[in-house]
Amino acid sequence: MLSYRHSFHAGNPADVLKHLVLAEVLKYQTIKDKPLDYVDTHSGAGFFELAGSDAQKTQEYLDGIAKLWRHNSEHDALNEYIELIKSFNSNGNLDFYPGSPKIAEHFLRRQDNGWFFELHPRDLQLLQDNMKGKRSIRVRGENGFQGLIGLLPPASRRACVLIDPPYEIKSDYDTVVNTLVKAHKRFATGTYMIWYPVVDRERIDRMEAGLIASGMRNIQLFELATEADTDVHGMTASGMIVINPPWKLKQTMDAVLPELVSILSDSSGFYRSEQLVEE
């Protein structure tokens, strides 16, 4: 279909959760000097101008990063995320929001490799422009689900993967689980992150059940709901499922998620921080 463009949604509460988790995982993964392979299966354009027509049409960032822009948290992880976003801006103004490729690029070192997949023709061109200049970064106009499997196991023997489809096609929920099972069989020690939107809770329940039944171990789930589940309109929550997470990730999210709910949600908002499968 290739109709989805993240430029309409950049910086919204779903991005806040996704990129906070991504930053925490990559911060941990790059402590060791050993090389790392990072794979982003659905990269998008990678960088967004919030004054642009797409972002201004929906203004979803006003309910997300804009509410955190002047916020000082008692938790280092949230402050570090806010400072990371500020590093892509100047003069204290919220003008730009980095997508997952630019956030990953911030953490990737000379010895690491970045693999970024995107099929939308316009976003692919923008991604190539936004990520050019580093030989260790590769942008591919290919199916990210298939591209991920082809890269495993990585030569570095260390991998961090973000699976972040738009879920335009209902079958994407099942494709995510099936792809992850295949990836895990090829490389069981990688860290895998799956972002999902909550539009229909039954689809998320089915995805969780599929992962639990897969036999994979050490699966955590983090979800931020800005309002209660509903059948009336679109996304009310989003989440990140992490396989083989850093050992302090859940502790960090247990502390930060209540604060995010208080800032970004209405009175019916809630969060989830769960160990779906033990180690």
C-alpha atoms as a PDB file:
ATOM      1  CA  MET A   1       0.000   0.000   0.000  1.00  0.00           C
ATOM      2  CA  LEU A   2       2.844   2.372   0.908  1.00  0.00           C
ATOM      3  CA  SER A   3       0.509   5.175   1.930  1.00  0.00           C
ATOM      4  CA  TYR A   4       1.721   5.591   5.508  1.00  0.00           C
ATOM      5  CA  ARG A   5       4.125   8.456   6.205  1.00  0.00           C
ATOM      6  CA  HIS A   6       5.412   9.055   9.706  1.00  0.00           C
ATOM      7  CA  SER A   7       5.845  12.776   9.062  1.00  0.00           C
ATOM      8  CA  PHE A   8       2.202  13.212  10.120  1.00  0.00           C
ATOM      9  CA  HIS A   9       2.859  11.578  13.505  1.00  0.00           C
ATOM     10  CA  ALA A  10       6.420  12.580  14.429  1.00  0.00           C
ATOM     11  CA  GLY A  11       6.971  13.374  18.089  1.00  0.00           C
ATOM     12  CA  ASN A  12       3.622  12.043  19.308  1.00  0.00           C
ATOM     13  CA  PRO A  13       3.284  10.013  22.550  1.00  0.00           C
ATOM     14  CA  ALA A  14       3.965   6.778  20.667  1.00  0.00           C
ATOM     15  CA  ASP A  15       7.283   8.205  19.468  1.00  0.00           C
ATOM     16  CA  VAL A  16       8.148   9.279  22.998  1.00  0.00           C
ATOM     17  CA  LEU A  17       7.735   5.732  24.291  1.00  0.00           C
ATOM     18  CA  LYS A  18       9.394   4.091  21.307  1.00  0.00           C
ATOM     19  CA  HIS A  19      12.429   6.328  21.253  1.00  0.00           C
ATOM     20  CA  LEU A  20      12.877   6.351  25.010  1.00  0.00           C
ATOM     21  CA  VAL A  21      13.096   2.545  24.977  1.00  0.00           C
ATOM     22  CA  LEU A  22      15.317   2.582  21.872  1.00  0.00           C
ATOM     23  CA  ALA A  23      17.717   5.062  23.469  1.00  0.00           C
ATOM     24  CA  GLU A  24      17.929   3.035  26.685  1.00  0.00           C
ATOM     25  CA  VAL A  25      18.634  -0.184  24.783  1.00  0.00           C
ATOM     26  CA  LEU A  26      21.285   1.370  22.526  1.00  0.00           C
ATOM     27  CA  LYS A  27      22.929   3.161  25.452  1.00  0.00           C
ATOM     28  CA  TYR A  28      23.411  -0.211  27.118  1.00  0.00           C
ATOM     29  CA  GLN A  29      24.418  -2.039  23.930  1.00  0.00           C
ATOM     30  CA  THR A  30      27.222   0.426  23.169  1.00  0.00           C
ATOM     31  CA  ILE A  31      28.903   0.247  26.579  1.00  0.00           C
ATOM     32  CA  LYS A  32      31.055  -2.642  25.386  1.00  0.00           C
ATOM     33  CA  ASP A  33      33.740  -1.927  22.800  1.00  0.00           C
ATOM     34  CA  LYS A  34      32.670  -4.906  20.686  1.00  0.00           C
ATOM     35  CA  PRO A  35      30.997  -4.051  17.342  1.00  0.00           C
ATOM     36  CA  LEU A  36      27.221  -3.987  17.104  1.00  0.00           C
ATOM     37  CA  ASP A  37      24.825  -4.406  14.178  1.00  0.00           C
ATOM     38  CA  TYR A  38      21.671  -2.292  14.364  1.00  0.00           C
ATOM     39  CA  VAL A  39      18.737  -3.125  12.069  1.00  0.00           C
ATOM     40  CA  ASP A  40      15.715  -0.854  11.528  1.00  0.00           C
ATOM     41  CA  THR A  41      13.134  -2.713   9.445  1.00  0.00           C
ATOM     42  CA  HIS A  42      10.767   0.198   8.729  1.00  0.00           C
ATOM     43  CA  SER A  43      12.858   3.344   8.965  1.00  0.00           C
ATOM     44  CA  GLY A  44      10.732   6.103   7.469  1.00  0.00           C
ATOM     45  CA  ALA A  45      12.394   9.375   6.478  1.00  0.00           C
ATOM     46  CA  GLY A  46      14.477   9.481   9.648  1.00  0.00           C
ATOM     47  CA  PHE A  47      14.159  13.197  10.445  1.00  0.00           C
ATOM     48  CA  PHE A  48      11.149  15.535  10.569  1.00  0.00           C
ATOM     49  CA  GLU A  49      10.503  19.269  10.454  1.00  0.00           C
ATOM     50  CA  LEU A  50       7.679  20.010  12.861  1.00  0.00           C
ATOM     51  CA  ALA A  51       6.802  23.242  11.060  1.00  0.00           C
ATOM     52  CA  GLY A  52       6.263  21.245   7.860  1.00  0.00           C
ATOM     53  CA  SER A  53       2.800  20.810   6.387  1.00  0.00           C
ATOM     54  CA  ASP A  54       2.498  17.145   7.369  1.00  0.00           C
ATOM     55  CA  ALA A  55       3.296  17.652  11.061  1.00  0.00           C
ATOM     56  CA  GLN A  56       1.195  20.814  11.201  1.00  0.00           C
ATOM     57  CA  LYS A  57      -1.811  19.066   9.677  1.00  0.00           C
ATOM     58  CA  THR A  58      -2.144  16.732  12.681  1.00  0.00           C
ATOM     59  CA  GLN A  59       0.023  18.504  15.305  1.00  0.00           C
ATOM     60  CA  GLU A  60       0.368  15.239  17.193  1.00  0.00           C
ATOM     61  CA  TYR A  61       3.731  16.367  18.576  1.00  0.00           C
ATOM     62  CA  LEU A  62       1.860  18.880  20.758  1.00  0.00           C
ATOM     63  CA  ASP A  63       0.513  15.930  22.759  1.00  0.00           C
ATOM     64  CA  GLY A  64       3.946  14.287  22.926  1.00  0.00           C
ATOM     65  CA  ILE A  65       7.414  15.811  22.866  1.00  0.00           C
ATOM     66  CA  ALA A  66       6.088  19.377  23.225  1.00  0.00           C
ATOM     67  CA  LYS A  67       4.677  18.538  26.663  1.00  0.00           C
ATOM     68  CA  LEU A  68       8.116  17.284  27.754  1.00  0.00           C
ATOM     69  CA  TRP A  69      10.181  20.048  26.185  1.00  0.00           C
ATOM     70  CA  ARG A  70      10.534  22.134  29.382  1.00  0.00           C
ATOM     71  CA  HIS A  71      10.086  19.217  31.767  1.00  0.00           C
ATOM     72  CA  ASN A  72      12.672  18.316  34.393  1.00  0.00           C
ATOM     73  CA  SER A  73      12.305  14.756  35.607  1.00  0.00           C
ATOM     74  CA  GLU A  74      13.667  13.092  38.709  1.00  0.00           C
ATOM     75  CA  HIS A  75      14.609  10.169  36.454  1.00  0.00           C
ATOM     76  CA  ASP A  76      17.824  10.276  34.427  1.00  0.00           C
ATOM     77  CA  ALA A  77      16.431   8.199  31.562  1.00  0.00           C
ATOM     78  CA  LEU A  78      13.659  10.684  30.774  1.00  0.00           C
ATOM     79  CA  ASN A  79      15.955  13.697  31.114  1.00  0.00           C
ATOM     80  CA  GLU A  80      18.503  12.048  28.806  1.00  0.00           C
ATOM     81  CA  TYR A  81      15.811  11.380  26.208  1.00  0.00           C
ATOM     82  CA  ILE A  82      14.661  15.016  26.315  1.00  0.00           C
ATOM     83  CA  GLU A  83      18.258  16.240  26.008  1.00  0.00           C
ATOM     84  CA  LEU A  84      18.787  13.876  23.076  1.00  0.00           C
ATOM     85  CA  ILE A  85      15.854  15.438  21.207  1.00  0.00           C
ATOM     86  CA  LYS A  86      17.103  18.916  22.106  1.00  0.00           C
ATOM     87  CA  SER A  87      20.494  18.074  20.555  1.00  0.00           C
ATOM     88  CA  PHE A  88      18.761  17.993  17.138  1.00  0.00           C
ATOM     89  CA  ASN A  89      17.398  21.502  17.698  1.00  0.00           C
ATOM     90  CA  SER A  90      18.936  24.911  18.365  1.00  0.00           C
ATOM     91  CA  ASN A  91      18.168  28.082  20.302  1.00  0.00           C
ATOM     92  CA  GLY A  92      15.942  26.162  22.668  1.00  0.00           C
ATOM     93  CA  ASN A  93      13.194  25.815  20.065  1.00  0.00           C
ATOM     94  CA  LEU A  94      11.357  22.599  19.215  1.00  0.00           C
ATOM     95  CA  ASP A  95      11.673  22.687  15.435  1.00  0.00           C
ATOM     96  CA  PHE A  96      12.749  19.147  14.531  1.00  0.00           C
ATOM     97  CA  TYR A  97      12.139  15.608  15.696  1.00  0.00           C
ATOM     98  CA  PRO A  98      14.510  12.714  14.925  1.00  0.00           C
ATOM     99  CA  GLY A  99      13.118   9.370  13.822  1.00  0.00           C
ATOM    100  CA  SER A 100      14.594   6.091  14.977  1.00  0.00           C
ATOM    101  CA  PRO A 101      17.375   6.149  12.308  1.00  0.00           C
ATOM    102  CA  LYS A 102      18.808   9.443  13.587  1.00  0.00           C
ATOM    103  CA  ILE A 103      18.457   8.334  17.200  1.00  0.00           C
ATOM    104  CA  ALA A 104      20.310   5.123  16.362  1.00  0.00           C
ATOM    105  CA  GLU A 105      22.968   7.080  14.477  1.00  0.00           C
ATOM    106  CA  HIS A 106      23.554   9.134  17.627  1.00  0.00           C
ATOM    107  CA  PHE A 107      24.609   5.997  19.498  1.00  0.00           C
ATOM    108  CA  LEU A 108      26.329   3.988  16.766  1.00  0.00           C
ATOM    109  CA  ARG A 109      30.118   4.126  16.824  1.00  0.00           C
ATOM    110  CA  ARG A 110      32.775   3.715  14.151  1.00  0.00           C
ATOM    111  CA  GLN A 111      32.972  -0.043  14.713  1.00  0.00           C
ATOM    112  CA  ASP A 112      29.190  -0.528  14.444  1.00  0.00           C
ATOM    113  CA  ASN A 113      26.980  -1.139  11.411  1.00  0.00           C
ATOM    114  CA  GLY A 114      23.539   0.349  10.787  1.00  0.00           C
ATOM    115  CA  TRP A 115      21.035  -1.231   8.393  1.00  0.00           C
ATOM    116  CA  PHE A 116      17.957   0.831   7.479  1.00  0.00           C
ATOM    117  CA  PHE A 117      15.071  -0.430   5.332  1.00  0.00           C
ATOM    118  CA  GLU A 118      12.297   1.637   3.747  1.00  0.00           C
ATOM    119  CA  LEU A 119       9.942   0.975   0.808  1.00  0.00           C
ATOM    120  CA  HIS A 120       8.029   4.261   0.439  1.00  0.00           C
ATOM    121  CA  PRO A 121       9.754   5.979  -2.544  1.00  0.00           C
ATOM    122  CA  ARG A 122       9.683   9.520  -1.154  1.00  0.00           C
ATOM    123  CA  ASP A 123      10.671   8.510   2.366  1.00  0.00           C
ATOM    124  CA  LEU A 124      13.436   6.307   0.981  1.00  0.00           C
ATOM    125  CA  GLN A 125      14.911   9.302  -0.823  1.00  0.00           C
ATOM    126  CA  LEU A 126      14.679  11.430   2.319  1.00  0.00           C
ATOM    127  CA  LEU A 127      16.203   8.639   4.409  1.00  0.00           C
ATOM    128  CA  GLN A 128      19.131   8.362   2.017  1.00  0.00           C
ATOM    129  CA  ASP A 129      19.705  12.109   2.288  1.00  0.00           C
ATOM    130  CA  ASN A 130      19.370  12.122   6.068  1.00  0.00           C
ATOM    131  CA  MET A 131      21.723   9.170   6.632  1.00  0.00           C
ATOM    132  CA  LYS A 132      24.432   9.859   4.064  1.00  0.00           C
ATOM    133  CA  GLY A 133      28.063  10.381   4.941  1.00  0.00           C
ATOM    134  CA  LYS A 134      28.901   7.271   6.956  1.00  0.00           C
ATOM    135  CA  ARG A 135      30.222   4.131   5.299  1.00  0.00           C
ATOM    136  CA  SER A 136      29.024   2.010   8.209  1.00  0.00           C
ATOM    137  CA  ILE A 137      25.390   2.998   7.528  1.00  0.00           C
ATOM    138  CA  ARG A 138      23.456   1.302   4.740  1.00  0.00           C
ATOM    139  CA  VAL A 139      20.042   2.345   3.479  1.00  0.00           C
ATOM    140  CA  ARG A 140      18.090  -0.202   1.455  1.00  0.00           C
ATOM    141  CA  GLY A 141      14.851   0.162  -0.486  1.00  0.00           C
ATOM    142  CA  GLU A 142      13.760  -3.370   0.373  1.00  0.00           C
ATOM    143  CA  ASN A 143      11.191  -5.235   2.434  1.00  0.00           C
ATOM    144  CA  GLY A 144      12.463  -4.883   5.987  1.00  0.00           C
ATOM    145  CA  PHE A 145      10.986  -8.153   7.230  1.00  0.00           C
ATOM    146  CA  GLN A 146      12.905 -10.085   4.572  1.00  0.00           C
ATOM    147  CA  GLY A 147      15.972  -7.883   4.889  1.00  0.00           C
ATOM    148  CA  LEU A 148      16.272  -8.604   8.594  1.00  0.00           C
ATOM    149  CA  ILE A 149      16.306 -12.372   8.094  1.00  0.00           C
ATOM    150  CA  GLY A 150      18.994 -12.010   5.431  1.00  0.00           C
ATOM    151  CA  LEU A 151      21.298 -10.192   7.847  1.00  0.00           C
ATOM    152  CA  LEU A 152      21.179 -12.815  10.574  1.00  0.00           C
ATOM    153  CA  PRO A 153      23.356 -13.996  12.159  1.00  0.00           C
ATOM    154  CA  PRO A 154      25.450 -10.816  11.970  1.00  0.00           C
ATOM    155  CA  ALA A 155      29.203 -10.928  11.531  1.00  0.00           C
ATOM    156  CA  SER A 156      29.602  -8.978  14.774  1.00  0.00           C
ATOM    157  CA  ARG A 157      27.652 -11.647  16.693  1.00  0.00           C
ATOM    158  CA  ARG A 158      25.825  -8.769  18.419  1.00  0.00           C
ATOM    159  CA  ALA A 159      22.580  -7.322  17.090  1.00  0.00           C
ATOM    160  CA  CYS A 160      19.927  -4.828  18.113  1.00  0.00           C
ATOM    161  CA  VAL A 161      16.753  -4.818  15.988  1.00  0.00           C
ATOM    162  CA  LEU A 162      13.770  -2.465  15.796  1.00  0.00           C
ATOM    163  CA  ILE A 163      10.691  -3.846  14.049  1.00  0.00           C
ATOM    164  CA  ASP A 164       8.332  -0.929  13.509  1.00  0.00           C
ATOM    165  CA  PRO A 165       5.837  -1.451  10.662  1.00  0.00           C
ATOM    166  CA  PRO A 166       2.906   0.942  10.156  1.00  0.00           C
ATOM    167  CA  TYR A 167       0.378  -1.908  10.534  1.00  0.00           C
ATOM    168  CA  GLU A 168      -1.570  -0.595   7.543  1.00  0.00           C
ATOM    169  CA  ILE A 169      -2.247  -4.223   6.664  1.00  0.00           C
ATOM    170  CA  LYS A 170      -3.950  -6.261   9.389  1.00  0.00           C
ATOM    171  CA  SER A 171      -1.692  -9.217   8.619  1.00  0.00           C
ATOM    172  CA  ASP A 172       1.310  -7.156   9.786  1.00  0.00           C
ATOM    173  CA  TYR A 173       0.541  -8.191  13.373  1.00  0.00           C
ATOM    174  CA  ASP A 174       1.016 -11.857  12.475  1.00  0.00           C
ATOM    175  CA  THR A 175       3.930 -11.068  10.156  1.00  0.00           C
ATOM    176  CA  VAL A 176       5.747  -9.382  13.033  1.00  0.00           C
ATOM    177  CA  VAL A 177       5.450 -12.482  15.206  1.00  0.00           C
ATOM    178  CA  ASN A 178       6.400 -14.864  12.402  1.00  0.00           C
ATOM    179  CA  THR A 179       9.396 -12.746  11.402  1.00  0.00           C
ATOM    180  CA  LEU A 180      10.575 -12.493  14.972  1.00  0.00           C
ATOM    181  CA  VAL A 181      10.368 -16.266  15.449  1.00  0.00           C
ATOM    182  CA  LYS A 182      12.452 -16.777  12.292  1.00  0.00           C
ATOM    183  CA  ALA A 183      14.966 -14.142  13.358  1.00  0.00           C
ATOM    184  CA  HIS A 184      15.292 -15.619  16.830  1.00  0.00           C
ATOM    185  CA  LYS A 185      15.955 -19.087  15.410  1.00  0.00           C
ATOM    186  CA  ARG A 186      18.791 -17.668  13.318  1.00  0.00           C
ATOM    187  CA  PHE A 187      20.197 -15.498  16.101  1.00  0.00           C
ATOM    188  CA  ALA A 188      18.787 -16.151  19.560  1.00  0.00           C
ATOM    189  CA  THR A 189      21.017 -13.755  21.523  1.00  0.00           C
ATOM    190  CA  GLY A 190      20.036 -10.554  19.686  1.00  0.00           C
ATOM    191  CA  THR A 191      17.955  -7.827  21.309  1.00  0.00           C
ATOM    192  CA  TYR A 192      14.668  -7.394  19.424  1.00  0.00           C
ATOM    193  CA  MET A 193      12.258  -4.492  19.893  1.00  0.00           C
ATOM    194  CA  ILE A 194       8.740  -4.509  18.449  1.00  0.00           C
ATOM    195  CA  TRP A 195       6.619  -1.378  18.418  1.00  0.00           C
ATOM    196  CA  TYR A 196       2.847  -1.758  18.165  1.00  0.00           C
ATOM    197  CA  PRO A 197      -0.214   0.539  18.135  1.00  0.00           C
ATOM    198  CA  VAL A 198      -3.318  -0.230  20.153  1.00  0.00           C
ATOM    199  CA  VAL A 199      -6.241   0.285  17.794  1.00  0.00           C
ATOM    200  CA  ASP A 200      -7.908  -3.080  18.360  1.00  0.00           C
ATOM    201  CA  ARG A 201      -6.910  -4.673  21.691  1.00  0.00           C
ATOM    202  CA  GLU A 202      -7.727  -8.172  20.419  1.00  0.00           C
ATOM    203  CA  ARG A 203      -4.922  -7.936  17.845  1.00  0.00           C
ATOM    204  CA  ILE A 204      -2.427  -7.039  20.567  1.00  0.00           C
ATOM    205  CA  ASP A 205      -3.668  -9.877  22.757  1.00  0.00           C
ATOM    206  CA  ARG A 206      -3.150 -12.273  19.849  1.00  0.00           C
ATOM    207  CA  MET A 207       0.331 -10.946  19.188  1.00  0.00           C
ATOM    208  CA  GLU A 208       1.289 -11.315  22.848  1.00  0.00           C
ATOM    209  CA  ALA A 209      -0.090 -14.863  22.925  1.00  0.00           C
ATOM    210  CA  GLY A 210       1.917 -15.759  19.821  1.00  0.00           C
ATOM    211  CA  LEU A 211       5.141 -14.513  21.350  1.00  0.00           C
ATOM    212  CA  ILE A 212       4.481 -16.253  24.661  1.00  0.00           C
ATOM    213  CA  ALA A 213       3.763 -19.532  22.841  1.00  0.00           C
ATOM    214  CA  SER A 214       6.852 -19.222  20.631  1.00  0.00           C
ATOM    215  CA  GLY A 215       9.270 -20.624  23.199  1.00  0.00           C
ATOM    216  CA  MET A 216      11.378 -17.456  23.293  1.00  0.00           C
ATOM    217  CA  ARG A 217      12.559 -16.416  26.730  1.00  0.00           C
ATOM    218  CA  ASN A 218      13.032 -13.083  28.498  1.00  0.00           C
ATOM    219  CA  ILE A 219      10.284 -10.973  26.920  1.00  0.00           C
ATOM    220  CA  GLN A 220       9.227  -7.645  28.419  1.00  0.00           C
ATOM    221  CA  LEU A 221       6.355  -5.342  27.449  1.00  0.00           C
ATOM    222  CA  PHE A 222       6.003  -1.593  27.998  1.00  0.00           C
ATOM    223  CA  GLU A 223       2.840   0.262  27.044  1.00  0.00           C
ATOM    224  CA  LEU A 224       1.708   3.878  27.311  1.00  0.00           C
ATOM    225  CA  ALA A 225      -2.011   4.629  26.933  1.00  0.00           C
ATOM    226  CA  THR A 226      -3.065   8.250  26.625  1.00  0.00           C
ATOM    227  CA  GLU A 227      -6.692   7.212  27.095  1.00  0.00           C
ATOM    228  CA  ALA A 228      -8.726   4.091  27.806  1.00  0.00           C
ATOM    229  CA  ASP A 229      -9.197   1.440  25.117  1.00  0.00           C
ATOM    230  CA  THR A 230     -12.113   2.176  22.804  1.00  0.00           C
ATOM    231  CA  ASP A 231     -13.767   0.789  19.686  1.00  0.00           C
ATOM    232  CA  VAL A 232     -14.817   4.252  18.533  1.00  0.00           C
ATOM    233  CA  HIS A 233     -11.701   5.785  16.968  1.00  0.00           C
ATOM    234  CA  GLY A 234      -7.992   5.257  16.287  1.00  0.00           C
ATOM    235  CA  MET A 235      -4.899   4.614  18.367  1.00  0.00           C
ATOM    236  CA  THR A 236      -5.322   5.066  22.109  1.00  0.00           C
ATOM    237  CA  ALA A 237      -2.037   3.496  23.204  1.00  0.00           C
ATOM    238  CA  SER A 238       1.196   2.072  21.898  1.00  0.00           C
ATOM    239  CA  GLY A 239       3.763  -0.319  23.222  1.00  0.00           C
ATOM    240  CA  MET A 240       7.216  -1.786  22.907  1.00  0.00           C
ATOM    241  CA  ILE A 241       7.931  -5.487  23.330  1.00  0.00           C
ATOM    242  CA  VAL A 242      11.595  -6.272  23.973  1.00  0.00           C
ATOM    243  CA  ILE A 243      13.219  -9.687  23.718  1.00  0.00           C
ATOM    244  CA  ASN A 244      16.550 -10.053  25.537  1.00  0.00           C
ATOM    245  CA  PRO A 245      16.309  -6.570  27.089  1.00  0.00           C
ATOM    246  CA  PRO A 246      19.098  -4.854  29.006  1.00  0.00           C
ATOM    247  CA  TRP A 247      18.987  -6.002  32.615  1.00  0.00           C
ATOM    248  CA  LYS A 248      17.936  -2.613  34.028  1.00  0.00           C
ATOM    249  CA  LEU A 249      15.389  -1.707  31.352  1.00  0.00           C
ATOM    250  CA  LYS A 250      12.308  -2.817  33.281  1.00  0.00           C
ATOM    251  CA  GLN A 251      13.516  -1.062  36.420  1.00  0.00           C
ATOM    252  CA  THR A 252      13.897   2.131  34.402  1.00  0.00           C
ATOM    253  CA  MET A 253      10.501   1.847  32.728  1.00  0.00           C
ATOM    254  CA  ASP A 254       8.791   1.026  36.030  1.00  0.00           C
ATOM    255  CA  ALA A 255      10.006   4.409  37.256  1.00  0.00           C
ATOM    256  CA  VAL A 256       9.413   6.488  34.104  1.00  0.00           C
ATOM    257  CA  LEU A 257       6.071   5.207  32.804  1.00  0.00           C
ATOM    258  CA  PRO A 258       3.924   6.578  35.677  1.00  0.00           C
ATOM    259  CA  GLU A 259       5.468  10.009  35.070  1.00  0.00           C
ATOM    260  CA  LEU A 260       4.762   9.811  31.331  1.00  0.00           C
ATOM    261  CA  VAL A 261       1.149   8.842  31.986  1.00  0.00           C
ATOM    262  CA  SER A 262       0.715  11.841  34.277  1.00  0.00           C
ATOM    263  CA  ILE A 263       2.124  14.232  31.660  1.00  0.00           C
ATOM    264  CA  LEU A 264       0.873  12.815  28.362  1.00  0.00           C
ATOM    265  CA  SER A 265      -2.438  11.115  29.215  1.00  0.00           C
ATOM    266  CA  ASP A 266      -5.937  12.106  30.176  1.00  0.00           C
ATOM    267  CA  SER A 267      -7.576  10.849  33.368  1.00  0.00           C
ATOM    268  CA  SER A 268      -8.279   7.444  31.803  1.00  0.00           C
ATOM    269  CA  GLY A 269      -4.684   6.847  30.695  1.00  0.00           C
ATOM    270  CA  PHE A 270      -2.631   3.961  32.025  1.00  0.00           C
ATOM    271  CA  TYR A 271       0.610   2.086  31.532  1.00  0.00           C
ATOM    272  CA  ARG A 272       1.821  -1.500  31.454  1.00  0.00           C
ATOM    273  CA  SER A 273       5.267  -2.745  32.444  1.00  0.00           C
ATOM    274  CA  GLU A 274       5.299  -6.523  32.392  1.00  0.00           C
ATOM    275  CA  GLN A 275       7.637  -9.488  32.168  1.00  0.00           C
ATOM    276  CA  LEU A 276       5.686 -11.518  29.610  1.00  0.00           C
ATOM    277  CA  VAL A 277       8.139 -14.432  29.675  1.00  0.00           C
ATOM    278  CA  GLU A 278      10.836 -15.022  32.257  1.00  0.00           C
ATOM    279  CA  GLU A 279      14.503 -15.540  31.397  1.00  0.00           C
END
